[in-house]
Protein backbone atom coordinates (compact mmCIF):
# COMPACT_ATOMS: atom_id res chain seq x y z
CA MET A 1 101.75 106.92 82.67
CA THR A 2 99.14 109.35 84.90
CA THR A 3 100.56 111.38 88.04
CA GLU A 4 99.10 108.69 90.18
CA LEU A 5 100.21 105.87 88.81
CA SER A 6 103.69 107.02 89.04
CA MET A 7 103.40 108.26 92.75
CA LEU A 8 102.08 104.65 93.06
CA VAL A 9 105.59 103.18 91.46
CA TRP A 10 107.02 105.85 93.64
CA THR A 11 105.56 104.55 96.63
CA THR A 12 105.54 101.15 96.13
CA GLY A 13 109.30 101.30 95.74
CA LEU A 14 109.78 103.59 98.43
CA THR A 15 107.58 100.57 100.56
CA GLY A 16 109.78 97.75 98.71
CA ILE A 17 113.05 99.07 100.06
CA LEU A 18 111.64 100.13 103.44
CA TRP A 19 112.52 96.76 105.05
CA LEU A 20 116.86 96.92 104.22
CA PRO A 21 117.15 99.71 107.39
CA TYR A 22 115.88 96.81 109.80
CA LEU A 23 117.96 93.92 108.48
CA LEU A 24 120.86 96.15 107.98
CA ALA A 25 120.36 97.01 112.23
CA GLN A 26 119.61 92.93 112.67
CA SER A 27 122.43 91.61 110.88
CA ASN A 28 124.98 94.35 112.74
CA VAL A 29 123.57 93.05 115.99
CA SER A 30 122.92 89.68 115.47
CA GLY A 31 125.08 88.99 112.34
CA LEU A 32 124.49 87.87 109.09
CA ILE A 33 124.50 84.13 109.16
CA VAL A 34 122.05 84.27 112.33
CA SER A 35 119.94 87.30 110.51
CA LEU A 36 119.43 85.06 107.45
CA GLY A 37 118.19 81.99 108.71
CA TYR A 38 114.78 80.59 109.86
CA GLY A 39 113.69 78.77 112.68
CA TYR A 40 115.78 80.27 114.85
CA LYS A 41 116.44 78.68 117.97
CA GLU A 42 117.10 81.18 120.43
CA PRO A 43 115.86 84.48 119.95
CA LEU A 44 117.68 87.50 118.28
CA ALA A 45 119.27 90.09 120.17
CA ASP A 46 117.53 93.39 120.80
CA LEU A 47 117.88 95.96 118.56
CA PRO A 48 118.56 99.75 119.19
CA ALA A 49 115.29 102.22 119.12
CA TRP A 50 115.59 103.32 115.24
CA ALA A 51 115.57 99.99 113.98
CA GLN A 52 112.69 98.99 116.39
CA ARG A 53 110.85 101.93 114.34
CA ALA A 54 112.59 100.82 111.28
CA LYS A 55 111.05 97.64 111.86
CA ALA A 56 107.24 99.07 113.02
CA HIS A 57 107.32 101.64 110.21
CA HIS A 58 107.60 99.44 107.38
CA GLY A 59 104.41 97.40 108.91
CA ASN A 60 103.31 101.03 108.73
CA ALA A 61 104.41 101.27 105.27
CA VAL A 62 102.46 98.41 103.77
CA GLU A 63 99.37 98.90 105.46
CA ASN A 64 99.11 102.45 103.78
CA LEU A 65 100.03 101.07 100.38
CA VAL A 66 97.17 98.55 100.04
CA LEU A 67 95.15 101.80 100.75
CA PHE A 68 96.91 104.05 98.35
CA ALA A 69 96.97 101.20 95.42
CA ALA A 70 93.66 100.63 95.71
CA LEU A 71 92.40 104.03 95.40
CA VAL A 72 95.27 104.66 92.46
CA ILE A 73 93.73 101.98 90.86
CA ALA A 74 90.16 101.95 91.08
CA MET A 75 90.48 105.90 90.38
CA HIS A 76 92.53 104.92 87.44
CA LEU A 77 89.88 102.24 86.04
CA ALA A 78 86.98 105.00 86.62
CA GLU A 79 88.67 107.35 84.52
CA ALA A 80 88.47 109.88 87.87
CA GLY A 81 91.37 111.52 88.17
CA ASN A 82 91.96 114.54 87.99
CA ALA A 83 94.02 118.20 89.14
CA ALA A 84 93.33 117.39 93.21
CA THR A 85 94.05 113.32 92.40
CA ALA A 86 97.10 114.20 91.12
CA ALA A 87 98.44 116.70 93.67
CA ALA A 88 96.94 113.91 96.02
CA ALA A 89 98.76 111.26 95.04
CA ILE A 90 102.33 113.61 94.87
CA THR A 91 101.75 114.44 98.57
CA PHE A 92 100.65 111.02 99.53
CA PHE A 93 104.30 110.31 98.31
CA TRP A 94 105.60 112.62 100.13
CA ALA A 95 104.44 112.29 103.30
CA ARG A 96 105.50 108.86 102.89
CA VAL A 97 108.82 109.75 102.55
CA ALA A 98 108.48 112.67 105.39
CA HIS A 99 106.77 110.15 107.61
CA ALA A 100 109.85 106.75 107.71
CA VAL A 101 112.15 109.93 107.90
CA ILE A 102 110.77 111.51 111.37
CA HIS A 103 109.29 108.31 112.51
CA TYR A 104 113.13 106.88 112.33
CA ALA A 105 114.38 109.57 114.15
CA GLY A 106 111.89 108.80 116.86
CA ILE A 107 110.19 112.96 116.33
CA PRO A 108 106.79 111.49 117.74
CA TYR A 109 104.63 114.50 117.09
CA LEU A 110 106.01 115.88 113.27
CA ARG A 111 105.12 111.41 112.90
CA SER A 112 101.89 112.00 113.32
CA ILE A 113 101.76 115.43 110.98
CA ALA A 114 102.66 113.11 108.37
CA PHE A 115 100.84 110.40 108.34
CA LEU A 116 97.66 112.64 108.82
CA VAL A 117 98.56 114.63 105.60
CA GLY A 118 98.96 110.79 103.63
CA TRP A 119 95.71 109.74 105.24
CA LEU A 120 94.34 113.16 104.19
CA ALA A 121 95.63 112.71 100.62
CA LEU A 122 94.32 109.43 100.49
CA VAL A 123 90.96 110.65 101.65
CA CYS A 124 90.78 113.31 99.10
CA ILE A 125 91.41 110.75 96.28
CA PHE A 126 88.56 108.64 96.98
CA TYR A 127 86.33 111.82 97.68
CA GLN A 128 87.36 112.62 93.80
CA ILE A 129 86.28 108.67 92.28
CA VAL A 130 82.76 108.38 94.79
CA THR A 131 81.74 112.29 93.31
């Protein structure tokens, strides 16, 4: 498996577990039965700020996974992989890890920097495919 595909698998795994902190917080606040229910008759209890950020971050991670997956798969099919795409894929994964930790901690400016690093990694992969 190429480095890029490996990082896609790891990023998918990371994205796949990022909903857990939010769910655990919701269960802690509202109770497990209410959290697992469907079609709530009353609004769910307010979540702590970190849990609200966790929910927002999961949505952001899903949005970015779509872009990363499309680029890595296109790069793989086009056989356009090289050292730059491998480094960019690794950078993207670790930027997403950093983004999650920083976002949960509520550090606004560092969060934006981590996001920008991941976005630049996507731009690098895109550039390697189209040139």
